[in-house]
Amino acid sequence: MTKECKVLLRNQYVMVVDFDGKEIQMPSDRTDKDTVFVKYENNRYSITCKLEEEKKPAKVKPVSRVKKQKKVTEVELADDVATDEQKDKSE
């Protein structure tokens, strides 16, 4: 999570910022700005140069795939199609 925080105290070595009501002491960035961007991740605070948008994974919509039909040969077609005489013999 990245937030813009107000600098409460700064000297040449350390600075104290207000991060959601908590006073966080971190190494000084040696600037004279009144606010800094602080990133909180894995129980650690760090200074960032700008407010970064947290990247959320894009939702992927499943795509249905068209099954390719197997090409049929003439022999297979002939086996599938039975004539009236063949139907009568099988009964």
Foldseek 3Di string as FASTA:
>chain_A
DKDKWFWPDDDQFWTWTQDPNDTDIDGDPPDDDGIFIWDADPNDIDTDHDDDDDDDDDDDDDDDDDDDDDDDDPVNVVVVDDDPVRVVVVD
